[in-house]
PDB file of N, CA and C in Angstrom:
ATOM      1  N   MET A   1     106.120 271.842 171.307  1.00  0.00           N
ATOM      2  CA  MET A   1     106.546 270.942 170.018  1.00  0.00           C
ATOM      3  C   MET A   1     106.818 268.984 170.250  1.00  0.00           C
ATOM      4  N   LYS A   2     106.930 268.927 169.074  1.00  0.00           N
ATOM      5  CA  LYS A   2     106.391 267.204 169.541  1.00  0.00           C
ATOM      6  C   LYS A   2     107.565 266.486 169.999  1.00  0.00           C
ATOM      7  N   SER A   3     107.509 265.031 170.341  1.00  0.00           N
ATOM      8  CA  SER A   3     108.749 264.182 170.437  1.00  0.00           C
ATOM      9  C   SER A   3     109.487 264.344 169.438  1.00  0.00           C
ATOM     10  N   ALA A   4     110.684 264.145 170.193  1.00  0.00           N
ATOM     11  CA  ALA A   4     112.168 264.458 168.818  1.00  0.00           C
ATOM     12  C   ALA A   4     112.328 262.728 168.604  1.00  0.00           C
ATOM     13  N   GLU A   5     111.811 261.560 169.450  1.00  0.00           N
ATOM     14  CA  GLU A   5     111.789 260.014 169.193  1.00  0.00           C
ATOM     15  C   GLU A   5     112.029 259.528 167.837  1.00  0.00           C
ATOM     16  N   GLY A   6     111.732 260.038 166.988  1.00  0.00           N
ATOM     17  CA  GLY A   6     111.809 259.571 165.577  1.00  0.00           C
ATOM     18  C   GLY A   6     113.068 259.790 164.967  1.00  0.00           C
ATOM     19  N   LEU A   7     113.775 261.195 165.476  1.00  0.00           N
ATOM     20  CA  LEU A   7     114.437 261.732 164.618  1.00  0.00           C
ATOM     21  C   LEU A   7     115.936 260.967 165.457  1.00  0.00           C
ATOM     22  N   HIS A   8     115.864 260.303 166.077  1.00  0.00           N
ATOM     23  CA  HIS A   8     116.917 259.871 166.806  1.00  0.00           C
ATOM     24  C   HIS A   8     117.994 258.555 165.930  1.00  0.00           C
ATOM     25  N   ILE A   9     116.704 258.240 165.275  1.00  0.00           N
ATOM     26  CA  ILE A   9     117.240 257.127 163.980  1.00  0.00           C
ATOM     27  C   ILE A   9     118.502 257.803 163.204  1.00  0.00           C
ATOM     28  N   PHE A  10     118.250 258.599 162.703  1.00  0.00           N
ATOM     29  CA  PHE A  10     119.354 259.253 161.666  1.00  0.00           C
ATOM     30  C   PHE A  10     120.676 259.235 162.960  1.00  0.00           C
ATOM     31  N   ASP A  11     120.686 259.631 164.189  1.00  0.00           N
ATOM     32  CA  ASP A  11     121.830 259.203 164.954  1.00  0.00           C
ATOM     33  C   ASP A  11     122.150 257.888 165.056  1.00  0.00           C
ATOM     34  N   ASN A  12     121.075 257.030 165.040  1.00  0.00           N
ATOM     35  CA  ASN A  12     121.581 255.791 165.376  1.00  0.00           C
ATOM     36  C   ASN A  12     122.272 255.072 163.988  1.00  0.00           C
ATOM     37  N   CYS A  13     121.692 255.774 162.517  1.00  0.00           N
ATOM     38  CA  CYS A  13     122.496 255.071 161.549  1.00  0.00           C
ATOM     39  C   CYS A  13     124.064 255.876 161.217  1.00  0.00           C
ATOM     40  N   SER A  14     123.969 256.644 161.882  1.00  0.00           N
ATOM     41  CA  SER A  14     125.435 257.315 161.914  1.00  0.00           C
ATOM     42  C   SER A  14     126.320 256.389 162.811  1.00  0.00           C
ATOM     43  N   LYS A  15     125.693 256.335 164.174  1.00  0.00           N
ATOM     44  CA  LYS A  15     126.771 255.701 165.278  1.00  0.00           C
ATOM     45  C   LYS A  15     126.784 254.191 164.606  1.00  0.00           C
ATOM     46  N   TYR A  16     125.744 253.713 163.617  1.00  0.00           N
ATOM     47  CA  TYR A  16     126.178 252.217 163.262  1.00  0.00           C
ATOM     48  C   TYR A  16     127.216 252.300 162.219  1.00  0.00           C
ATOM     49  N   GLU A  17     127.030 252.996 161.355  1.00  0.00           N
ATOM     50  CA  GLU A  17     128.352 253.565 160.199  1.00  0.00           C
ATOM     51  C   GLU A  17     129.676 253.481 161.058  1.00  0.00           C
ATOM     52  N   ASP A  18     129.796 254.416 161.892  1.00  0.00           N
ATOM     53  CA  ASP A  18     130.964 254.451 162.450  1.00  0.00           C
ATOM     54  C   ASP A  18     131.438 253.385 163.455  1.00  0.00           C
ATOM     55  N   THR A  19     130.272 252.393 163.703  1.00  0.00           N
ATOM     56  CA  THR A  19     130.958 250.671 164.758  1.00  0.00           C
ATOM     57  C   THR A  19     130.850 249.466 164.155  1.00  0.00           C
ATOM     58  N   MET A  20     130.727 249.913 162.582  1.00  0.00           N
ATOM     59  CA  MET A  20     130.531 249.104 161.723  1.00  0.00           C
ATOM     60  C   MET A  20     131.859 247.758 161.648  1.00  0.00           C
ATOM     61  N   GLU A  21     132.915 248.277 161.598  1.00  0.00           N
ATOM     62  CA  GLU A  21     134.330 247.658 161.806  1.00  0.00           C
ATOM     63  C   GLU A  21     134.158 246.448 162.695  1.00  0.00           C
ATOM     64  N   GLN A  22     133.520 246.838 163.519  1.00  0.00           N
ATOM     65  CA  GLN A  22     133.514 245.854 165.105  1.00  0.00           C
ATOM     66  C   GLN A  22     132.237 244.368 164.605  1.00  0.00           C
ATOM     67  N   LYS A  23     131.842 244.392 163.416  1.00  0.00           N
ATOM     68  CA  LYS A  23     130.659 243.795 163.135  1.00  0.00           C
ATOM     69  C   LYS A  23     131.393 242.563 162.255  1.00  0.00           C
ATOM     70  N   GLY A  24     131.025 241.403 162.295  1.00  0.00           N
ATOM     71  CA  GLY A  24     131.890 239.804 161.190  1.00  0.00           C
ATOM     72  C   GLY A  24     131.523 240.512 159.780  1.00  0.00           C
ATOM     73  N   SER A  25     130.819 239.649 159.181  1.00  0.00           N
ATOM     74  CA  SER A  25     130.862 239.871 158.058  1.00  0.00           C
ATOM     75  C   SER A  25     129.940 240.928 156.955  1.00  0.00           C
ATOM     76  N   HIS A  26     130.182 241.359 155.884  1.00  0.00           N
ATOM     77  CA  HIS A  26     129.250 241.929 154.714  1.00  0.00           C
ATOM     78  C   HIS A  26     129.585 243.248 155.464  1.00  0.00           C
ATOM     79  N   ILE A  27     130.370 243.491 156.114  1.00  0.00           N
ATOM     80  CA  ILE A  27     130.633 244.979 156.464  1.00  0.00           C
ATOM     81  C   ILE A  27     130.564 246.459 155.471  1.00  0.00           C
ATOM     82  N   LYS A  28     131.243 245.644 154.005  1.00  0.00           N
ATOM     83  CA  LYS A  28     131.237 246.671 153.376  1.00  0.00           C
ATOM     84  C   LYS A  28     129.466 246.646 152.537  1.00  0.00           C
ATOM     85  N   GLU A  29     128.765 245.500 152.788  1.00  0.00           N
ATOM     86  CA  GLU A  29     127.848 246.186 152.095  1.00  0.00           C
ATOM     87  C   GLU A  29     126.941 246.466 153.179  1.00  0.00           C
ATOM     88  N   ARG A  30     126.953 246.740 154.143  1.00  0.00           N
ATOM     89  CA  ARG A  30     126.075 247.332 155.322  1.00  0.00           C
ATOM     90  C   ARG A  30     126.022 248.520 155.128  1.00  0.00           C
ATOM     91  N   LYS A  31     127.676 248.874 154.973  1.00  0.00           N
ATOM     92  CA  LYS A  31     128.238 250.545 155.143  1.00  0.00           C
ATOM     93  C   LYS A  31     127.289 251.835 153.836  1.00  0.00           C
ATOM     94  N   LEU A  32     127.561 250.344 152.547  1.00  0.00           N
ATOM     95  CA  LEU A  32     126.949 251.005 151.004  1.00  0.00           C
ATOM     96  C   LEU A  32     125.357 251.282 151.534  1.00  0.00           C
ATOM     97  N   ILE A  33     124.991 250.430 152.134  1.00  0.00           N
ATOM     98  CA  ILE A  33     123.100 250.578 152.555  1.00  0.00           C
ATOM     99  C   ILE A  33     123.373 251.897 153.686  1.00  0.00           C
ATOM    100  N   VAL A  34     124.047 251.800 154.464  1.00  0.00           N
ATOM    101  CA  VAL A  34     123.793 252.848 155.336  1.00  0.00           C
ATOM    102  C   VAL A  34     124.040 254.149 154.557  1.00  0.00           C
ATOM    103  N   SER A  35     124.874 254.348 153.594  1.00  0.00           N
ATOM    104  CA  SER A  35     124.938 255.615 152.919  1.00  0.00           C
ATOM    105  C   SER A  35     123.920 255.762 151.852  1.00  0.00           C
ATOM    106  N   VAL A  36     123.085 254.961 151.530  1.00  0.00           N
ATOM    107  CA  VAL A  36     122.059 254.882 150.952  1.00  0.00           C
ATOM    108  C   VAL A  36     121.053 255.326 151.157  1.00  0.00           C
ATOM    109  N   ILE A  37     120.814 254.865 152.645  1.00  0.00           N
ATOM    110  CA  ILE A  37     119.441 255.421 153.263  1.00  0.00           C
ATOM    111  C   ILE A  37     119.747 256.906 154.167  1.00  0.00           C
ATOM    112  N   LEU A  38     120.950 256.744 154.205  1.00  0.00           N
ATOM    113  CA  LEU A  38     121.448 258.577 154.777  1.00  0.00           C
ATOM    114  C   LEU A  38     120.948 259.692 153.323  1.00  0.00           C
ATOM    115  N   ARG A  39     121.679 258.849 152.394  1.00  0.00           N
ATOM    116  CA  ARG A  39     121.953 259.931 151.015  1.00  0.00           C
ATOM    117  C   ARG A  39     119.863 259.806 150.455  1.00  0.00           C
ATOM    118  N   ALA A  40     118.993 259.125 150.647  1.00  0.00           N
ATOM    119  CA  ALA A  40     117.808 259.338 150.373  1.00  0.00           C
ATOM    120  C   ALA A  40     117.013 260.329 151.355  1.00  0.00           C
ATOM    121  N   VAL A  41     117.624 260.150 152.679  1.00  0.00           N
ATOM    122  CA  VAL A  41     116.949 260.629 154.103  1.00  0.00           C
ATOM    123  C   VAL A  41     117.688 262.611 153.319  1.00  0.00           C
ATOM    124  N   LYS A  42     118.950 262.701 153.229  1.00  0.00           N
ATOM    125  CA  LYS A  42     119.064 263.966 153.051  1.00  0.00           C
ATOM    126  C   LYS A  42     118.505 264.709 151.741  1.00  0.00           C
ATOM    127  N   ASP A  43     118.450 263.815 150.502  1.00  0.00           N
ATOM    128  CA  ASP A  43     117.408 264.125 149.027  1.00  0.00           C
ATOM    129  C   ASP A  43     116.119 264.554 149.825  1.00  0.00           C
ATOM    130  N   TYR A  44     115.460 263.592 150.090  1.00  0.00           N
ATOM    131  CA  TYR A  44     114.215 264.211 151.278  1.00  0.00           C
ATOM    132  C   TYR A  44     113.796 265.552 151.956  1.00  0.00           C
ATOM    133  N   ILE A  45     115.252 265.855 152.443  1.00  0.00           N
ATOM    134  CA  ILE A  45     115.078 266.911 153.586  1.00  0.00           C
ATOM    135  C   ILE A  45     115.282 268.231 152.991  1.00  0.00           C
ATOM    136  N   ASP A  46     116.264 267.976 151.758  1.00  0.00           N
ATOM    137  CA  ASP A  46     116.167 269.117 150.922  1.00  0.00           C
ATOM    138  C   ASP A  46     115.229 269.226 150.132  1.00  0.00           C
ATOM    139  N   GLY A  47     114.729 268.403 149.441  1.00  0.00           N
ATOM    140  CA  GLY A  47     113.563 268.764 148.975  1.00  0.00           C
ATOM    141  C   GLY A  47     112.297 269.944 149.594  1.00  0.00           C
ATOM    142  N   ASN A  48     112.384 269.274 150.769  1.00  0.00           N
ATOM    143  CA  ASN A  48     111.490 269.962 151.389  1.00  0.00           C
ATOM    144  C   ASN A  48     111.672 270.763 152.527  1.00  0.00           C
ATOM    145  N   ASN A  49     112.773 271.273 152.168  1.00  0.00           N
ATOM    146  CA  ASN A  49     113.578 272.509 152.950  1.00  0.00           C
ATOM    147  C   ASN A  49     113.455 274.262 152.738  1.00  0.00           C
ATOM    148  N   PRO A  50     112.136 274.287 152.880  1.00  0.00           N
ATOM    149  CA  PRO A  50     111.739 275.891 152.052  1.00  0.00           C
ATOM    150  C   PRO A  50     113.373 277.242 152.317  1.00  0.00           C
ATOM    151  N   GLN A  51     114.217 277.004 153.427  1.00  0.00           N
ATOM    152  CA  GLN A  51     115.265 277.552 153.181  1.00  0.00           C
ATOM    153  C   GLN A  51     116.355 277.655 152.075  1.00  0.00           C
ATOM    154  N   LYS A  52     116.245 276.246 151.931  1.00  0.00           N
ATOM    155  CA  LYS A  52     117.200 276.006 150.480  1.00  0.00           C
ATOM    156  C   LYS A  52     116.617 276.054 149.462  1.00  0.00           C
ATOM    157  N   ILE A  53     115.532 276.027 149.227  1.00  0.00           N
ATOM    158  CA  ILE A  53     114.622 276.354 148.189  1.00  0.00           C
ATOM    159  C   ILE A  53     114.709 277.481 147.637  1.00  0.00           C
ATOM    160  N   GLY A  54     114.175 278.598 148.582  1.00  0.00           N
ATOM    161  CA  GLY A  54     114.234 280.001 148.424  1.00  0.00           C
ATOM    162  C   GLY A  54     115.714 280.449 148.097  1.00  0.00           C
ATOM    163  N   ARG A  55     116.519 279.824 148.490  1.00  0.00           N
ATOM    164  CA  ARG A  55     117.889 280.422 147.915  1.00  0.00           C
ATOM    165  C   ARG A  55     118.384 280.200 146.336  1.00  0.00           C
ATOM    166  N   LEU A  56     118.052 278.874 146.637  1.00  0.00           N
ATOM    167  CA  LEU A  56     118.140 278.341 144.607  1.00  0.00           C
ATOM    168  C   LEU A  56     117.468 279.355 143.918  1.00  0.00           C
ATOM    169  N   ARG A  57     116.207 279.759 144.376  1.00  0.00           N
ATOM    170  CA  ARG A  57     115.329 280.646 143.700  1.00  0.00           C
ATOM    171  C   ARG A  57     116.208 281.784 143.621  1.00  0.00           C
ATOM    172  N   GLU A  58     116.118 282.455 144.547  1.00  0.00           N
ATOM    173  CA  GLU A  58     116.792 283.697 144.651  1.00  0.00           C
ATOM    174  C   GLU A  58     117.969 283.924 144.166  1.00  0.00           C
ATOM    175  N   HIS A  59     118.963 282.954 143.555  1.00  0.00           N
ATOM    176  CA  HIS A  59     120.172 283.011 143.221  1.00  0.00           C
ATOM    177  C   HIS A  59     120.221 282.365 141.604  1.00  0.00           C
ATOM    178  N   GLY A  60     118.497 282.156 141.477  1.00  0.00           N
ATOM    179  CA  GLY A  60     118.629 281.849 139.926  1.00  0.00           C
ATOM    180  C   GLY A  60     119.344 280.812 139.599  1.00  0.00           C
ATOM    181  N   GLN A  61     119.026 279.386 140.498  1.00  0.00           N
ATOM    182  CA  GLN A  61     119.843 278.640 140.080  1.00  0.00           C
ATOM    183  C   GLN A  61     118.773 277.559 139.459  1.00  0.00           C
ATOM    184  N   ASP A  62     118.104 277.770 138.958  1.00  0.00           N
ATOM    185  CA  ASP A  62     117.021 277.011 137.979  1.00  0.00           C
ATOM    186  C   ASP A  62     116.958 275.492 138.135  1.00  0.00           C
ATOM    187  N   HIS A  63     118.741 275.009 137.511  1.00  0.00           N
ATOM    188  CA  HIS A  63     118.589 273.637 137.054  1.00  0.00           C
ATOM    189  C   HIS A  63     119.318 272.886 138.795  1.00  0.00           C
ATOM    190  N   GLU A  64     119.564 273.324 139.204  1.00  0.00           N
ATOM    191  CA  GLU A  64     119.896 273.062 140.552  1.00  0.00           C
ATOM    192  C   GLU A  64     118.363 272.334 141.152  1.00  0.00           C
ATOM    193  N   LEU A  65     117.716 273.851 141.143  1.00  0.00           N
ATOM    194  CA  LEU A  65     116.468 273.301 141.993  1.00  0.00           C
ATOM    195  C   LEU A  65     115.504 272.085 141.922  1.00  0.00           C
ATOM    196  N   SER A  66     115.830 272.372 140.473  1.00  0.00           N
ATOM    197  CA  SER A  66     114.899 271.161 139.305  1.00  0.00           C
ATOM    198  C   SER A  66     115.653 269.597 139.616  1.00  0.00           C
ATOM    199  N   GLN A  67     117.120 269.732 140.048  1.00  0.00           N
ATOM    200  CA  GLN A  67     117.542 268.109 140.371  1.00  0.00           C
ATOM    201  C   GLN A  67     117.382 268.179 141.702  1.00  0.00           C
ATOM    202  N   LEU A  68     117.114 269.243 142.655  1.00  0.00           N
ATOM    203  CA  LEU A  68     116.973 269.097 144.357  1.00  0.00           C
ATOM    204  C   LEU A  68     115.386 268.352 144.647  1.00  0.00           C
ATOM    205  N   GLN A  69     114.392 269.032 143.245  1.00  0.00           N
ATOM    206  CA  GLN A  69     113.356 268.536 143.489  1.00  0.00           C
ATOM    207  C   GLN A  69     112.887 267.069 142.464  1.00  0.00           C
ATOM    208  N   LYS A  70     113.765 266.996 141.410  1.00  0.00           N
ATOM    209  CA  LYS A  70     113.770 265.243 141.059  1.00  0.00           C
ATOM    210  C   LYS A  70     114.570 264.247 142.218  1.00  0.00           C
ATOM    211  N   ASN A  71     115.593 264.607 142.374  1.00  0.00           N
ATOM    212  CA  ASN A  71     116.052 263.837 143.853  1.00  0.00           C
ATOM    213  C   ASN A  71     115.321 263.459 145.145  1.00  0.00           C
ATOM    214  N   SER A  72     114.404 264.944 145.222  1.00  0.00           N
ATOM    215  CA  SER A  72     113.300 264.479 146.615  1.00  0.00           C
ATOM    216  C   SER A  72     112.239 263.829 146.059  1.00  0.00           C
ATOM    217  N   ARG A  73     112.156 263.929 145.037  1.00  0.00           N
ATOM    218  CA  ARG A  73     110.472 262.856 144.812  1.00  0.00           C
ATOM    219  C   ARG A  73     111.187 261.899 144.625  1.00  0.00           C
ATOM    220  N   SER A  74     112.319 261.433 144.307  1.00  0.00           N
ATOM    221  CA  SER A  74     112.438 260.030 144.116  1.00  0.00           C
ATOM    222  C   SER A  74     113.014 259.541 145.407  1.00  0.00           C
ATOM    223  N   ALA A  75     113.564 260.218 146.233  1.00  0.00           N
ATOM    224  CA  ALA A  75     113.908 259.608 147.542  1.00  0.00           C
ATOM    225  C   ALA A  75     112.422 259.525 148.423  1.00  0.00           C
ATOM    226  N   ARG A  76     111.278 260.728 148.011  1.00  0.00           N
ATOM    227  CA  ARG A  76     110.125 260.178 148.731  1.00  0.00           C
ATOM    228  C   ARG A  76     109.353 258.932 148.358  1.00  0.00           C
ATOM    229  N   PHE A  77     109.495 258.594 147.183  1.00  0.00           N
ATOM    230  CA  PHE A  77     108.757 257.666 146.582  1.00  0.00           C
ATOM    231  C   PHE A  77     109.509 256.512 147.030  1.00  0.00           C
ATOM    232  N   TRP A  78     110.773 255.862 146.988  1.00  0.00           N
ATOM    233  CA  TRP A  78     111.379 254.938 147.701  1.00  0.00           C
ATOM    234  C   TRP A  78     111.659 255.055 149.090  1.00  0.00           C
ATOM    235  N   ILE A  79     111.015 256.106 149.809  1.00  0.00           N
ATOM    236  CA  ILE A  79     111.220 255.981 151.538  1.00  0.00           C
ATOM    237  C   ILE A  79     109.567 255.584 151.581  1.00  0.00           C
ATOM    238  N   TYR A  80     108.862 256.087 151.095  1.00  0.00           N
ATOM    239  CA  TYR A  80     107.429 256.125 151.640  1.00  0.00           C
ATOM    240  C   TYR A  80     106.601 255.237 150.699  1.00  0.00           C
ATOM    241  N   GLU A  81     106.744 255.419 149.072  1.00  0.00           N
ATOM    242  CA  GLU A  81     105.736 254.445 148.641  1.00  0.00           C
ATOM    243  C   GLU A  81     106.080 253.263 148.145  1.00  0.00           C
ATOM    244  N   GLU A  82     106.900 253.114 147.821  1.00  0.00           N
ATOM    245  CA  GLU A  82     107.769 251.983 147.353  1.00  0.00           C
ATOM    246  C   GLU A  82     107.592 250.589 148.521  1.00  0.00           C
ATOM    247  N   ARG A  83     106.643 249.631 148.463  1.00  0.00           N
ATOM    248  CA  ARG A  83     106.687 248.808 149.576  1.00  0.00           C
ATOM    249  C   ARG A  83     106.829 247.366 148.974  1.00  0.00           C
ATOM    250  N   ASN A  84     107.848 247.216 148.003  1.00  0.00           N
ATOM    251  CA  ASN A  84     108.308 245.789 147.510  1.00  0.00           C
ATOM    252  C   ASN A  84     109.228 245.457 148.685  1.00  0.00           C
ATOM    253  N   ALA A  85     108.745 244.764 149.669  1.00  0.00           N
ATOM    254  CA  ALA A  85     109.666 243.821 150.481  1.00  0.00           C
ATOM    255  C   ALA A  85     110.486 243.213 149.769  1.00  0.00           C
ATOM    256  N   GLU A  86     110.391 242.426 148.911  1.00  0.00           N
ATOM    257  CA  GLU A  86     110.817 241.296 148.212  1.00  0.00           C
ATOM    258  C   GLU A  86     111.956 242.020 147.461  1.00  0.00           C
ATOM    259  N   TYR A  87     112.211 243.003 146.848  1.00  0.00           N
ATOM    260  CA  TYR A  87     113.233 243.215 146.022  1.00  0.00           C
ATOM    261  C   TYR A  87     114.614 243.955 147.361  1.00  0.00           C
ATOM    262  N   ILE A  88     115.526 243.942 146.869  1.00  0.00           N
ATOM    263  CA  ILE A  88     117.025 243.573 147.517  1.00  0.00           C
ATOM    264  C   ILE A  88     117.174 245.153 148.140  1.00  0.00           C
ATOM    265  N   PHE A  89     116.895 245.834 147.200  1.00  0.00           N
ATOM    266  CA  PHE A  89     117.125 247.260 147.448  1.00  0.00           C
ATOM    267  C   PHE A  89     116.022 248.212 147.740  1.00  0.00           C
ATOM    268  N   SER A  90     115.068 247.619 148.026  1.00  0.00           N
ATOM    269  CA  SER A  90     113.758 248.408 149.073  1.00  0.00           C
ATOM    270  C   SER A  90     114.091 248.533 150.010  1.00  0.00           C
ATOM    271  N   PHE A  91     113.593 249.798 150.142  1.00  0.00           N
ATOM    272  CA  PHE A  91     113.607 250.626 152.024  1.00  0.00           C
ATOM    273  C   PHE A  91     113.220 249.751 152.453  1.00  0.00           C
ATOM    274  N   GLU A  92     112.555 249.026 152.962  1.00  0.00           N
ATOM    275  CA  GLU A  92     112.055 248.192 153.515  1.00  0.00           C
ATOM    276  C   GLU A  92     112.984 246.817 153.987  1.00  0.00           C
ATOM    277  N   LYS A  93     113.555 246.602 152.949  1.00  0.00           N
ATOM    278  CA  LYS A  93     114.579 245.729 152.737  1.00  0.00           C
ATOM    279  C   LYS A  93     116.311 245.941 153.178  1.00  0.00           C
ATOM    280  N   CYS A  94     116.371 247.094 152.745  1.00  0.00           N
ATOM    281  CA  CYS A  94     117.495 248.148 153.350  1.00  0.00           C
ATOM    282  C   CYS A  94     117.762 248.415 154.565  1.00  0.00           C
ATOM    283  N   CYS A  95     116.554 248.482 155.265  1.00  0.00           N
ATOM    284  CA  CYS A  95     116.673 249.384 156.943  1.00  0.00           C
ATOM    285  C   CYS A  95     116.681 247.507 157.664  1.00  0.00           C
ATOM    286  N   GLU A  96     116.252 246.617 157.006  1.00  0.00           N
ATOM    287  CA  GLU A  96     115.833 245.241 157.699  1.00  0.00           C
ATOM    288  C   GLU A  96     117.679 244.311 157.679  1.00  0.00           C
ATOM    289  N   VAL A  97     118.200 245.003 156.939  1.00  0.00           N
ATOM    290  CA  VAL A  97     119.468 244.338 156.536  1.00  0.00           C
ATOM    291  C   VAL A  97     120.264 245.102 157.965  1.00  0.00           C
ATOM    292  N   ILE A  98     119.874 246.444 158.031  1.00  0.00           N
ATOM    293  CA  ILE A  98     120.972 246.743 158.956  1.00  0.00           C
ATOM    294  C   ILE A  98     120.177 247.193 160.482  1.00  0.00           C
ATOM    295  N   SER A  99     119.128 246.500 160.656  1.00  0.00           N
ATOM    296  CA  SER A  99     118.170 246.277 161.716  1.00  0.00           C
ATOM    297  C   SER A  99     117.745 247.760 162.292  1.00  0.00           C
ATOM    298  N   VAL A 100     116.964 248.585 161.608  1.00  0.00           N
ATOM    299  CA  VAL A 100     116.636 249.477 161.699  1.00  0.00           C
ATOM    300  C   VAL A 100     115.345 249.854 161.082  1.00  0.00           C
ATOM    301  N   SER A 101     114.460 250.461 162.170  1.00  0.00           N
ATOM    302  CA  SER A 101     112.704 250.549 161.648  1.00  0.00           C
ATOM    303  C   SER A 101     112.904 251.292 160.373  1.00  0.00           C
ATOM    304  N   PRO A 102     111.964 251.083 159.492  1.00  0.00           N
ATOM    305  CA  PRO A 102     111.592 251.758 158.384  1.00  0.00           C
ATOM    306  C   PRO A 102     110.562 252.856 158.889  1.00  0.00           C
ATOM    307  N   GLU A 103     109.766 252.177 159.626  1.00  0.00           N
ATOM    308  CA  GLU A 103     108.407 253.170 160.247  1.00  0.00           C
ATOM    309  C   GLU A 103     109.207 254.501 160.733  1.00  0.00           C
ATOM    310  N   ARG A 104     110.337 254.349 162.156  1.00  0.00           N
ATOM    311  CA  ARG A 104     110.534 255.419 162.346  1.00  0.00           C
ATOM    312  C   ARG A 104     111.612 256.119 161.949  1.00  0.00           C
ATOM    313  N   ILE A 105     112.143 255.996 160.643  1.00  0.00           N
ATOM    314  CA  ILE A 105     113.019 256.819 159.850  1.00  0.00           C
ATOM    315  C   ILE A 105     111.779 257.682 159.373  1.00  0.00           C
ATOM    316  N   ARG A 106     110.725 257.298 158.888  1.00  0.00           N
ATOM    317  CA  ARG A 106     109.841 257.923 157.971  1.00  0.00           C
ATOM    318  C   ARG A 106     109.122 258.836 158.932  1.00  0.00           C
ATOM    319  N   ARG A 107     108.922 258.197 160.372  1.00  0.00           N
ATOM    320  CA  ARG A 107     108.303 259.479 161.576  1.00  0.00           C
ATOM    321  C   ARG A 107     109.298 260.367 162.242  1.00  0.00           C
ATOM    322  N   GLY A 108     110.450 260.348 162.228  1.00  0.00           N
ATOM    323  CA  GLY A 108     111.291 260.851 161.935  1.00  0.00           C
ATOM    324  C   GLY A 108     111.457 261.832 161.259  1.00  0.00           C
ATOM    325  N   LEU A 109     111.410 261.712 160.065  1.00  0.00           N
ATOM    326  CA  LEU A 109     111.441 262.984 158.699  1.00  0.00           C
ATOM    327  C   LEU A 109     109.797 263.486 158.999  1.00  0.00           C
ATOM    328  N   ASN A 110     108.439 262.817 158.983  1.00  0.00           N
ATOM    329  CA  ASN A 110     107.784 263.699 159.097  1.00  0.00           C
ATOM    330  C   ASN A 110     107.951 264.599 159.908  1.00  0.00           C
ATOM    331  N   GLN A 111     108.145 264.328 161.281  1.00  0.00           N
ATOM    332  CA  GLN A 111     108.290 265.382 162.385  1.00  0.00           C
ATOM    333  C   GLN A 111     109.500 266.347 162.136  1.00  0.00           C
ATOM    334  N   LEU A 112     110.435 266.182 161.293  1.00  0.00           N
ATOM    335  CA  LEU A 112     111.327 267.161 161.443  1.00  0.00           C
ATOM    336  C   LEU A 112     110.563 268.293 160.491  1.00  0.00           C
ATOM    337  N   ILE A 113     110.017 267.304 159.245  1.00  0.00           N
ATOM    338  CA  ILE A 113     109.287 268.695 158.271  1.00  0.00           C
ATOM    339  C   ILE A 113     108.185 269.199 159.042  1.00  0.00           C
ATOM    340  N   GLN A 114     107.519 269.035 159.972  1.00  0.00           N
ATOM    341  CA  GLN A 114     106.357 269.517 160.624  1.00  0.00           C
ATOM    342  C   GLN A 114     107.157 270.345 161.813  1.00  0.00           C
ATOM    343  N   THR A 115     108.345 270.322 162.221  1.00  0.00           N
ATOM    344  CA  THR A 115     108.796 270.896 162.867  1.00  0.00           C
ATOM    345  C   THR A 115     109.363 272.638 162.454  1.00  0.00           C
ATOM    346  N   ASN A 116     109.470 272.118 161.154  1.00  0.00           N
ATOM    347  CA  ASN A 116     110.172 273.650 160.415  1.00  0.00           C
ATOM    348  C   ASN A 116     111.961 273.689 160.756  1.00  0.00           C
ATOM    349  N   TYR A 117     112.374 272.104 160.533  1.00  0.00           N
ATOM    350  CA  TYR A 117     113.449 271.517 160.504  1.00  0.00           C
ATOM    351  C   TYR A 117     114.298 272.585 161.631  1.00  0.00           C
ATOM    352  N   ARG A 118     113.765 272.251 163.410  1.00  0.00           N
ATOM    353  CA  ARG A 118     114.303 272.382 164.224  1.00  0.00           C
ATOM    354  C   ARG A 118     115.064 271.302 164.813  1.00  0.00           C
ATOM    355  N   ILE A 119     116.409 271.190 164.734  1.00  0.00           N
ATOM    356  CA  ILE A 119     116.851 269.755 165.150  1.00  0.00           C
ATOM    357  C   ILE A 119     117.057 269.640 166.784  1.00  0.00           C
ATOM    358  N   PRO A 120     116.347 268.919 167.373  1.00  0.00           N
ATOM    359  CA  PRO A 120     116.437 269.296 168.842  1.00  0.00           C
ATOM    360  C   PRO A 120     117.887 268.220 169.541  1.00  0.00           C
ATOM    361  N   ASN A 121     118.601 267.408 168.515  1.00  0.00           N
ATOM    362  CA  ASN A 121     119.969 267.257 168.723  1.00  0.00           C
ATOM    363  C   ASN A 121     120.918 268.019 167.352  1.00  0.00           C
ATOM    364  N   PRO A 122     122.093 268.852 168.258  1.00  0.00           N
ATOM    365  CA  PRO A 122     122.939 269.376 167.440  1.00  0.00           C
ATOM    366  C   PRO A 122     123.912 268.424 166.440  1.00  0.00           C
ATOM    367  N   LYS A 123     123.820 267.278 166.793  1.00  0.00           N
ATOM    368  CA  LYS A 123     124.785 266.141 166.214  1.00  0.00           C
ATOM    369  C   LYS A 123     123.475 265.497 165.091  1.00  0.00           C
ATOM    370  N   LEU A 124     122.707 266.024 165.456  1.00  0.00           N
ATOM    371  CA  LEU A 124     122.133 265.245 163.645  1.00  0.00           C
ATOM    372  C   LEU A 124     122.325 266.274 162.530  1.00  0.00           C
ATOM    373  N   SER A 125     122.168 267.789 163.163  1.00  0.00           N
ATOM    374  CA  SER A 125     122.395 268.422 162.198  1.00  0.00           C
ATOM    375  C   SER A 125     123.497 268.415 160.867  1.00  0.00           C
ATOM    376  N   GLN A 126     124.633 267.720 161.195  1.00  0.00           N
ATOM    377  CA  GLN A 126     125.639 266.957 160.564  1.00  0.00           C
ATOM    378  C   GLN A 126     125.115 266.512 159.439  1.00  0.00           C
ATOM    379  N   LEU A 127     123.721 265.648 159.630  1.00  0.00           N
ATOM    380  CA  LEU A 127     123.562 264.870 158.741  1.00  0.00           C
ATOM    381  C   LEU A 127     122.093 265.550 157.432  1.00  0.00           C
ATOM    382  N   VAL A 128     122.043 266.626 157.837  1.00  0.00           N
ATOM    383  CA  VAL A 128     121.471 267.393 157.023  1.00  0.00           C
ATOM    384  C   VAL A 128     121.825 268.726 156.130  1.00  0.00           C
TER     385      VAL A 128
END
C-alpha cells in the first residue's frame, strides 16, 4: 500500500476549520474557502467511488447518478485543470488563502482513488 501522506491534508483542512476562531481577521471568508474546498473534494471522491455509483445504478436513481457525475466533473476541472492563479476563487488561490498545498490535496485524492478508498485514518472517513 502506498504512503498515506497526501491524505492527511483532508484532516488538516478539518482541523483548520475547527481552530479558525483563534485567528484574526477574515475568519468567515476562510471558513467559506475551507468549506468550498472540502465540498469539491467530496464531490470528486463521490463521483469516482464505484460502490456509490453501483448503489445508485442498482436502485435506478438515474437523476442522482447524473448529478453526481456532473458535480464530480466540475470538481475535477476546478481541482486539477483550472490553473488560473489570478482568479480569486481558483483552487490554487483558495489553497493559498488557507495555507494549504494544492498539490498535496491532489496527491491525496489520487492516492485515495488508487487505493480503492481504503482510508488509513478513521477520522478522514467522516469527510468522505
